[in-house]
Amino acid sequence: MGFRLFPRFHPRHQLRRTFRAGPLRLHVGPDGVSWGLGAGRWAWNAKSRRHTVDTPGPGYWESRGRRPRP
C-alpha cells in the first residue's frame, strides 16, 4: 500500500455531471455531451434514444434505445 497523489478510479466510477433546467437535462461526461428530457419518474436521452422510468423501490426500467452502428 502507500500514499498515492492521484488515486486510481475503478472503471465503473466515471466523472459525470447533469445540469437541469426545468424538463431539459444536459449530461456531461468522458464520452462527450448529450441532452435529454425528464418529467417526474420518466426520462429520455437524445444521444442514446433511451427511455428510463424510475420504479418504486430499488431499480429502474430502461428501454433498449438506439442500436450501435457496426
Protein backbone atom coordinates (compact mmCIF):
# COMPACT_ATOMS: atom_id res chain seq x y z
CA MET A 1 0.00 0.00 0.00
CA GLY A 2 1.17 3.53 0.35
CA PHE A 3 0.13 7.07 -0.35
CA ARG A 4 -0.99 7.95 -3.86
CA LEU A 5 -1.14 11.50 -5.04
CA PHE A 6 -3.66 10.58 -7.75
CA PRO A 7 -5.76 7.62 -6.59
CA ARG A 8 -6.88 5.18 -9.23
CA PHE A 9 -10.57 5.14 -10.08
CA HIS A 10 -12.35 1.90 -10.61
CA PRO A 11 -13.64 1.66 -14.23
CA ARG A 12 -17.25 1.88 -13.07
CA HIS A 13 -16.57 5.21 -11.35
CA GLN A 14 -16.75 7.85 -14.05
CA LEU A 15 -16.79 11.60 -13.73
CA ARG A 16 -20.20 12.72 -15.00
CA ARG A 17 -22.37 15.72 -14.32
CA THR A 18 -26.02 16.53 -15.12
CA PHE A 19 -27.26 20.10 -15.39
CA ARG A 20 -31.02 20.60 -15.14
CA ALA A 21 -33.16 23.49 -16.36
CA GLY A 22 -36.81 22.58 -15.97
CA PRO A 23 -37.51 19.44 -18.02
CA LEU A 24 -34.26 19.84 -20.04
CA ARG A 25 -31.20 17.92 -18.83
CA LEU A 26 -27.64 18.31 -20.09
CA HIS A 27 -25.32 15.35 -19.38
CA VAL A 28 -21.56 15.99 -19.48
CA GLY A 29 -19.10 13.11 -19.18
CA PRO A 30 -15.99 11.48 -20.62
CA ASP A 31 -17.94 10.34 -23.71
CA GLY A 32 -19.00 13.90 -24.57
CA VAL A 33 -22.18 15.86 -24.09
CA SER A 34 -25.75 14.68 -24.51
CA TRP A 35 -29.12 16.14 -23.66
CA GLY A 36 -32.44 14.74 -22.63
CA LEU A 37 -35.86 15.41 -21.22
CA GLY A 38 -37.29 14.44 -17.88
CA ALA A 39 -40.68 14.66 -16.20
CA GLY A 40 -41.31 13.06 -12.83
CA ARG A 41 -40.07 9.48 -12.92
CA TRP A 42 -39.65 9.38 -16.72
CA ALA A 43 -36.51 10.47 -18.60
CA TRP A 44 -35.32 10.34 -22.23
CA ASN A 45 -31.76 10.73 -23.53
CA ALA A 46 -31.36 12.13 -27.04
CA LYS A 47 -27.90 10.61 -27.70
CA SER A 48 -28.81 7.03 -26.80
CA ARG A 49 -32.55 7.48 -27.51
CA ARG A 50 -33.20 5.54 -24.35
CA HIS A 51 -36.24 5.88 -22.09
CA THR A 52 -35.82 5.35 -18.35
CA VAL A 53 -38.58 5.02 -15.75
CA ASP A 54 -37.85 5.04 -12.03
CA THR A 55 -39.81 2.23 -10.39
CA PRO A 56 -40.84 2.05 -6.73
CA GLY A 57 -38.11 0.56 -4.56
CA PRO A 58 -34.60 -0.22 -5.77
CA GLY A 59 -34.09 -0.49 -9.51
CA TYR A 60 -35.50 1.09 -12.67
CA TRP A 61 -36.78 0.17 -16.14
CA GLU A 62 -34.78 1.15 -19.21
CA SER A 63 -35.60 0.74 -22.90
CA ARG A 64 -33.03 -0.68 -25.30
CA GLY A 65 -32.53 2.62 -27.09
CA ARG A 66 -30.71 3.10 -30.37
CA ARG A 67 -28.59 0.25 -31.65
CA PRO A 68 -24.89 0.98 -32.17
CA ARG A 69 -23.80 1.10 -35.80
CA PRO A 70 -21.45 -1.74 -36.87
